Protein backbone atom coordinates (compact mmCIF):
# COMPACT_ATOMS: atom_id res chain seq x y z
CA MET A 1 -8.88 22.04 -21.13
CA VAL A 2 -12.01 23.79 -19.77
CA LYS A 3 -12.42 23.73 -16.15
CA THR A 4 -15.98 23.34 -14.63
CA ALA A 5 -16.70 25.13 -11.37
CA ALA A 6 -17.20 22.54 -8.78
CA VAL A 7 -20.84 22.10 -7.87
CA THR A 8 -22.25 24.62 -4.76
CA VAL A 9 -22.72 22.24 -1.69
CA VAL A 10 -25.88 23.88 0.49
CA MET A 11 -27.10 22.76 4.03
CA ASP A 12 -29.26 23.31 7.05
CA GLU A 13 -27.99 23.13 10.40
CA GLN A 14 -29.99 20.41 11.24
CA THR A 15 -28.26 18.34 8.05
CA ARG A 16 -24.60 20.04 9.27
CA LEU A 17 -25.22 18.67 12.80
CA ARG A 18 -25.84 15.12 11.77
CA LEU A 19 -23.08 15.10 9.22
CA SER A 20 -20.05 16.45 12.05
CA ARG A 21 -21.40 13.40 14.34
CA THR A 22 -20.43 10.90 11.01
CA ALA A 23 -17.34 13.05 10.57
CA ARG A 24 -16.30 12.47 14.16
CA SER A 25 -18.14 8.69 15.00
CA ALA A 26 -15.34 6.16 16.07
CA ARG A 27 -18.48 3.26 15.08
CA ALA A 28 -19.40 4.66 11.79
CA GLN A 29 -18.84 3.10 8.30
CA ALA A 30 -15.32 4.77 7.40
CA ARG A 31 -16.93 5.38 3.81
CA ALA A 32 -19.98 7.07 5.23
CA VAL A 33 -16.96 9.22 7.58
CA LEU A 34 -15.49 10.19 4.22
CA ARG A 35 -18.34 11.01 2.79
CA ALA A 36 -19.52 12.97 5.54
CA LYS A 37 -15.67 14.97 5.62
CA ILE A 38 -16.02 15.87 1.94
CA VAL A 39 -19.44 17.16 2.03
CA LEU A 40 -18.93 19.33 5.20
CA ALA A 41 -15.61 20.40 3.05
CA ALA A 42 -17.30 21.61 0.45
CA ALA A 43 -19.89 23.29 2.18
CA GLU A 44 -17.67 25.67 3.69
CA GLY A 45 -16.09 26.43 -0.12
CA ARG A 46 -13.62 24.65 -0.24
CA PRO A 47 -12.21 23.41 -3.80
CA ASN A 48 -12.46 20.21 -4.97
CA ALA A 49 -8.18 19.77 -5.39
CA ARG A 50 -8.03 21.15 -1.58
CA ILE A 51 -10.58 18.33 -0.43
CA ALA A 52 -8.93 15.86 -1.96
CA ALA A 53 -5.30 16.75 -0.77
CA ASP A 54 -6.65 17.10 3.29
CA LEU A 55 -8.35 13.63 2.60
CA HIS A 56 -5.73 12.03 0.58
CA VAL A 57 -8.37 10.91 -2.12
CA GLY A 58 -8.81 11.35 -5.87
CA VAL A 59 -10.64 14.62 -7.18
CA ASP A 60 -13.03 12.52 -8.51
CA THR A 61 -13.98 11.17 -5.38
CA VAL A 62 -14.57 14.14 -4.39
CA ARG A 63 -16.05 15.59 -7.36
CA LYS A 64 -18.70 12.38 -6.97
CA TRP A 65 -20.07 12.77 -3.50
CA ARG A 66 -20.04 16.65 -3.69
CA ALA A 67 -22.66 16.39 -6.78
CA ARG A 68 -24.62 13.68 -5.62
CA PHE A 69 -25.21 15.56 -2.46
CA ALA A 70 -26.06 18.83 -4.30
CA ALA A 71 -28.56 16.89 -6.27
CA SER A 72 -29.84 14.63 -3.63
CA GLY A 73 -28.92 15.46 -0.11
CA LEU A 74 -28.29 12.58 2.28
CA THR A 75 -29.89 9.91 0.15
CA GLY A 76 -27.11 11.01 -2.05
CA LEU A 77 -24.18 9.48 0.30
CA THR A 78 -25.57 5.88 0.64
CA ASP A 79 -24.62 3.29 -2.21
CA ALA A 80 -26.78 2.97 -5.29
CA LYS A 81 -28.21 -0.49 -5.60
CA ARG A 82 -26.39 -2.96 -7.27
CA SER A 83 -28.18 -5.55 -9.99
CA GLY A 84 -26.21 -8.55 -8.26
CA ARG A 85 -26.35 -12.33 -9.79
CA PRO A 86 -29.59 -12.83 -10.51
CA ARG A 87 -31.61 -15.60 -7.77
CA ARG A 88 -31.22 -19.12 -8.07
CA HIS A 89 -34.82 -19.53 -7.08
CA GLY A 90 -38.13 -17.62 -7.62
CA PRO A 91 -40.51 -16.86 -5.44
CA GLU A 92 -42.37 -20.17 -4.84
CA VAL A 93 -39.56 -21.21 -3.33
CA ARG A 94 -38.46 -18.40 -1.20
CA LEU A 95 -42.33 -18.79 0.13
CA GLN A 96 -41.56 -22.31 0.84
CA ALA A 97 -39.21 -21.89 3.41
CA VAL A 98 -40.64 -19.31 4.96
CA ALA A 99 -43.64 -21.16 5.26
CA ILE A 100 -41.62 -24.01 6.90
CA ALA A 101 -39.54 -21.74 9.03
CA THR A 102 -43.03 -20.31 10.23
CA SER A 103 -44.74 -23.39 10.82
CA ALA A 104 -44.12 -26.02 13.89
CA PRO A 105 -41.37 -28.48 13.43
CA PRO A 106 -42.17 -32.18 13.27
CA GLY A 107 -41.21 -34.67 15.54
CA PRO A 108 -39.93 -34.23 18.74
CA GLU A 109 -37.90 -31.15 17.57
CA SER A 110 -39.19 -27.62 18.79
CA THR A 111 -36.75 -25.71 16.45
CA TRP A 112 -35.68 -25.47 13.18
CA SER A 113 -32.22 -25.19 11.66
CA HIS A 114 -31.47 -24.33 8.63
CA ARG A 115 -30.67 -27.83 7.50
CA ARG A 116 -33.67 -28.84 8.55
CA ILE A 117 -35.90 -26.08 6.39
CA ALA A 118 -33.82 -27.18 3.49
CA GLU A 119 -34.73 -31.27 4.35
CA GLN A 120 -38.18 -30.46 4.15
CA MET A 121 -38.10 -28.95 1.11
CA THR A 122 -39.81 -30.13 -1.65
CA GLY A 123 -39.64 -30.23 -5.96
CA THR A 124 -36.45 -28.22 -5.54
CA THR A 125 -33.20 -29.00 -4.39
CA ILE A 126 -31.96 -26.23 -2.00
CA SER A 127 -28.28 -25.36 -0.17
CA VAL A 128 -28.18 -24.98 3.58
CA SER A 129 -26.37 -21.57 3.15
CA GLN A 130 -29.02 -20.16 0.33
CA VAL A 131 -31.67 -21.42 2.88
CA GLY A 132 -30.12 -19.31 5.31
CA ARG A 133 -29.69 -16.27 2.40
CA ILE A 134 -33.79 -16.44 2.08
CA LEU A 135 -34.54 -16.44 5.50
CA ALA A 136 -32.07 -13.08 6.47
CA ASP A 137 -33.26 -11.67 3.82
CA CYS A 138 -36.79 -11.84 5.50
CA ASP A 139 -34.83 -11.22 8.92
CA LEU A 140 -36.78 -14.43 9.90
CA ARG A 141 -33.83 -16.70 12.83
CA PRO A 142 -36.07 -19.53 13.61
CA TYR A 143 -33.99 -20.80 16.04
CA ARG A 144 -33.82 -17.46 17.84
CA VAL A 145 -36.75 -18.02 20.33
CA ARG A 146 -37.55 -15.40 23.35
CA GLY A 147 -39.96 -16.14 26.79
CA TRP A 148 -43.07 -14.60 26.64
CA LEU A 149 -45.59 -14.55 29.47
CA THR A 150 -48.99 -13.92 28.81
CA ARG A 151 -50.23 -11.26 31.76
CA LYS A 152 -53.59 -12.40 33.41
CA ASP A 153 -56.08 -9.48 32.38
CA ASP A 154 -56.24 -8.67 36.27
CA PRO A 155 -58.51 -5.38 36.57
CA GLN A 156 -56.41 -4.63 39.76
CA PHE A 157 -52.76 -3.89 38.15
CA TRP A 158 -52.82 -0.47 36.38
CA THR A 159 -54.63 0.27 40.66
CA ARG A 160 -51.91 -1.23 42.60
CA THR A 161 -49.07 -0.02 39.96
CA ALA A 162 -50.13 3.10 40.63
CA ASP A 163 -50.43 2.76 44.46
CA ILE A 164 -47.03 1.33 44.82
CA CYS A 165 -45.49 4.32 42.16
CA ASP A 166 -47.07 6.97 44.30
CA LEU A 167 -45.91 5.85 47.88
CA TYR A 168 -42.18 5.66 45.82
CA LEU A 169 -42.41 9.29 44.29
CA ASN A 170 -44.36 10.73 47.53
CA PRO A 171 -43.50 8.87 50.10
CA PRO A 172 -45.18 9.78 53.94
CA SER A 173 -43.06 11.83 56.24
CA ASP A 174 -44.11 9.97 59.37
CA ALA A 175 -43.97 6.88 58.19
CA VAL A 176 -41.56 4.15 56.98
CA VAL A 177 -41.70 3.27 53.64
CA LEU A 178 -39.87 -0.70 52.84
CA SER A 179 -39.83 -2.73 50.68
CA ILE A 180 -39.57 -6.94 51.38
CA ASP A 181 -38.80 -9.68 49.52
CA GLU A 182 -36.95 -13.23 49.69
CA LYS A 183 -34.09 -14.09 47.37
CA THR A 184 -33.59 -18.31 47.53
CA ALA A 185 -31.10 -20.89 46.45
CA ILE A 186 -28.27 -18.87 46.04
CA ALA A 187 -25.25 -21.23 45.28
CA ALA A 188 -22.57 -21.35 47.10
CA ARG A 189 -19.62 -22.72 44.76
CA SER A 190 -15.65 -22.84 44.89
CA ARG A 191 -13.53 -22.45 41.50
CA LYS A 192 -11.46 -26.21 41.81
CA HIS A 193 -8.31 -23.87 40.28
CA PRO A 194 -7.47 -20.29 40.90
CA GLY A 195 -8.84 -17.65 38.36
CA ARG A 196 -6.56 -14.92 36.60
CA ARG A 197 -7.07 -11.20 37.63
CA ALA A 198 -7.49 -8.69 34.44
CA THR A 199 -4.69 -7.27 32.91
CA PRO A 200 -4.52 -3.93 30.52
CA GLY A 201 -5.94 -5.45 27.28
CA ARG A 202 -6.83 -8.99 28.67
CA PRO A 203 -9.95 -9.46 30.75
CA ALA A 204 -10.28 -11.26 33.76
CA TYR A 205 -10.71 -15.23 33.42
CA GLN A 206 -12.60 -17.59 35.77
CA GLU A 207 -12.30 -21.20 35.98
CA PHE A 208 -14.78 -23.22 34.11
CA GLU A 209 -15.52 -25.87 37.13
CA TYR A 210 -16.67 -25.45 40.15
CA VAL A 211 -17.65 -27.25 43.82
CA ARG A 212 -20.83 -27.00 45.45
CA HIS A 213 -21.34 -26.26 48.96
CA GLY A 214 -24.84 -25.98 48.65
CA THR A 215 -27.54 -23.20 48.82
CA VAL A 216 -28.46 -20.21 50.86
CA SER A 217 -31.55 -18.05 50.89
CA ILE A 218 -32.02 -14.57 52.42
CA ILE A 219 -34.97 -12.17 53.34
CA ALA A 220 -34.53 -8.32 52.99
CA ALA A 221 -36.02 -4.97 53.91
CA LEU A 222 -34.97 -2.31 51.99
CA ASP A 223 -35.55 1.32 53.32
CA ILE A 224 -36.58 3.29 49.98
CA GLN A 225 -35.69 6.58 51.26
CA THR A 226 -32.19 5.78 52.85
CA GLY A 227 -31.40 2.95 50.66
CA GLN A 228 -30.01 0.75 53.61
CA ALA A 229 -31.29 -2.64 54.01
CA VAL A 230 -31.31 -5.20 56.50
CA THR A 231 -30.69 -8.85 55.26
CA GLU A 232 -31.28 -12.29 57.23
CA PRO A 233 -30.47 -15.62 56.67
CA ILE A 234 -33.57 -18.11 56.51
CA GLU A 235 -33.46 -21.58 56.65
CA ARG A 236 -37.62 -22.29 55.44
CA ASN A 237 -39.26 -19.67 53.22
CA ASP A 238 -42.67 -19.99 54.82
CA SER A 239 -44.70 -18.15 56.59
CA ALA A 240 -43.91 -18.85 60.40
CA THR A 241 -40.00 -17.18 58.83
CA PHE A 242 -41.69 -14.14 57.33
CA GLN A 243 -43.51 -13.42 60.23
CA ARG A 244 -39.89 -13.63 62.85
CA PHE A 245 -38.65 -11.37 60.27
CA LEU A 246 -41.67 -8.97 60.35
CA THR A 247 -41.92 -9.20 64.25
CA MET A 248 -38.14 -7.98 64.31
CA ILE A 249 -38.64 -5.05 62.16
CA ASP A 250 -41.87 -3.95 63.86
CA THR A 251 -39.54 -4.16 66.92
CA VAL A 252 -36.71 -2.06 65.97
CA ILE A 253 -38.72 0.70 64.45
CA ASP A 254 -39.98 3.62 66.35
CA PRO A 255 -43.33 2.53 67.59
CA ALA A 256 -44.53 6.21 66.69
CA LYS A 257 -44.39 5.65 63.36
CA GLN A 258 -46.71 3.78 60.26
CA ILE A 259 -45.08 1.19 58.28
CA HIS A 260 -45.83 1.29 54.68
CA VAL A 261 -44.77 -2.53 53.07
CA VAL A 262 -44.86 -3.28 49.59
CA LEU A 263 -44.79 -7.01 48.99
CA ASP A 264 -45.32 -9.60 46.01
CA ASN A 265 -48.05 -12.32 46.08
CA GLY A 266 -45.50 -15.06 47.40
CA SER A 267 -46.89 -17.89 49.39
CA SER A 268 -45.27 -16.71 52.79
CA HIS A 269 -46.73 -13.00 51.89
CA VAL A 270 -50.44 -14.07 51.58
CA ALA A 271 -50.86 -16.83 53.56
CA LYS A 272 -53.57 -17.08 56.60
CA ALA A 273 -51.17 -16.48 59.49
CA THR A 274 -49.32 -14.05 57.54
CA ARG A 275 -52.82 -12.03 57.35
CA ALA A 276 -53.21 -12.69 60.56
CA TRP A 277 -50.07 -10.90 61.63
CA LEU A 278 -50.76 -8.07 59.91
CA ALA A 279 -54.21 -7.62 61.06
CA ALA A 280 -53.09 -7.77 64.74
CA HIS A 281 -50.11 -5.10 63.81
CA PRO A 282 -52.23 -1.91 62.15
CA ARG A 283 -49.47 0.23 62.05
CA TRP A 284 -48.34 -2.22 58.98
CA HIS A 285 -49.75 -0.97 55.60
CA VAL A 286 -49.52 -3.31 52.46
CA HIS A 287 -49.22 -2.38 49.30
CA TRP A 288 -49.46 -5.62 47.00
CA THR A 289 -47.78 -5.70 43.47
CA PRO A 290 -49.47 -6.93 40.87
CA VAL A 291 -49.54 -10.63 39.83
CA HIS A 292 -46.34 -11.07 37.72
CA ALA A 293 -44.59 -7.52 38.46
CA SER A 294 -42.05 -7.80 40.67
CA TRP A 295 -40.20 -5.34 38.97
CA LEU A 296 -42.22 -3.12 41.35
CA ASN A 297 -40.94 -4.45 44.28
CA GLN A 298 -37.89 -2.12 44.65
CA VAL A 299 -35.70 -4.59 46.79
CA GLU A 300 -34.80 -6.51 43.53
CA LEU A 301 -32.78 -3.50 42.84
CA TYR A 302 -30.73 -4.25 45.82
CA PHE A 303 -30.88 -8.19 44.91
CA SER A 304 -29.73 -7.80 41.15
CA ALA A 305 -26.35 -5.51 42.95
CA LEU A 306 -26.02 -7.95 45.72
CA THR A 307 -25.90 -10.32 42.57
CA ARG A 308 -23.25 -8.60 40.30
CA ARG A 309 -21.74 -7.50 42.95
CA VAL A 310 -21.04 -10.51 45.22
CA VAL A 311 -22.52 -13.56 43.78
CA ARG A 312 -22.09 -13.88 39.63
CA HIS A 313 -18.41 -13.93 40.21
CA GLY A 314 -17.41 -15.00 43.90
CA ASP A 315 -15.78 -17.93 45.24
CA PHE A 316 -17.40 -19.59 48.38
CA SER A 317 -15.31 -22.36 50.47
CA SER A 318 -18.79 -22.95 52.14
CA ARG A 319 -22.29 -21.48 53.30
CA ASP A 320 -21.21 -19.43 55.91
CA ASP A 321 -18.59 -18.25 53.88
CA LEU A 322 -21.61 -16.91 51.31
CA ILE A 323 -23.49 -15.85 53.89
CA ASN A 324 -20.67 -13.98 55.93
CA LYS A 325 -19.49 -12.37 52.27
CA ILE A 326 -23.00 -11.47 52.04
CA GLU A 327 -23.29 -9.44 54.57
CA THR A 328 -20.25 -7.67 54.57
CA TYR A 329 -21.36 -6.19 51.48
CA VAL A 330 -24.96 -5.48 52.73
CA ILE A 331 -22.65 -3.53 56.09
CA ALA A 332 -20.77 -2.18 54.13
CA LYS A 333 -22.78 -0.53 51.62
CA ASN A 334 -25.15 0.87 54.39
CA THR A 335 -22.03 3.11 55.24
CA THR A 336 -22.74 5.31 51.94
CA ALA A 337 -26.55 3.82 51.01
CA LYS A 338 -28.57 6.56 48.88
CA PRO A 339 -32.22 5.81 47.76
CA TYR A 340 -32.57 4.50 44.35
CA ARG A 341 -34.26 7.01 41.83
CA TRP A 342 -37.46 5.92 40.92
CA THR A 343 -38.94 7.65 37.66
CA TYR A 344 -41.91 5.44 36.74
CA ASP A 345 -45.13 7.42 37.70
CA GLY A 346 -46.85 4.24 36.93
CA THR A 347 -49.34 5.36 33.77
CA PRO A 348 -49.70 2.70 30.71
CA LEU A 349 -46.97 3.24 28.19
CA LYS A 350 -47.55 3.92 25.01
CA ALA A 351 -45.60 3.36 22.26
CA ALA A 352 -43.56 6.28 20.41
């Protein structure tokens, strides 16, 4: 028997790094990991028999992937296309299924199902599963709907965005910068039965049924330079309530300091009475967020943390219990507060 010399494998450093990541990956497919290990070992000059023994595979397997990489590089490590069973339905049927899936459903229905699409097909009999395979080939999922906002063309959008981002990135040294907003209708709910704490290998369990005890609304002012916040429960989300909160804030801040505040376009913020209060207090400088851009208001980050840490999985016996737990969280968080790290500079984002 004449032995043939093993194919020489040569790779650049970038390819070596990529294959090394695959070989170490715990999430990559097992076959991709094996092929990466074979090629890396071959690049070190190790013989096929030694590689096969180390990886517990046949010599023919090592020889195959070594040769395919030497001939085609990384593309040679992918599976070759297989002929498979011929399609049962021609392009006309496939086009009809796609046309139905991308049209409006008939009658009162708002979304398509695979069964409804199969029922609407004419001139052919097709199974529900076959409809699913046709749509999967086109990466088409008509039963999935995502929300979309058609934002009005606001000529001030980028001007306001840049102004707020500059305020976050370069806050004036002789002023206080606040982010203020309300969080309304926080549900005070108690579970009908106690849950179970998490244990190794098992997540926490929470009772599905609950009892409603009303809702709580709060208003909050976040100091973006310290990360500390002041919150207050409110009964009504109106201009009078908002003015009282501003007055309270105004009295506790050094009169020598200017106050810059970021506000959205909520009705209590843009009311005539609120604008009159702001005009009567000239040290307050308002930076308005664009319409539908509340994400520019940093206090929303604070509300998000509050929801995750206290509200989402909380158990509250009453409105007062919810209020007390919110206040306890705020007081404790203020002792270790840090400002949020803001990096966006307000310029339009471009697709890569």
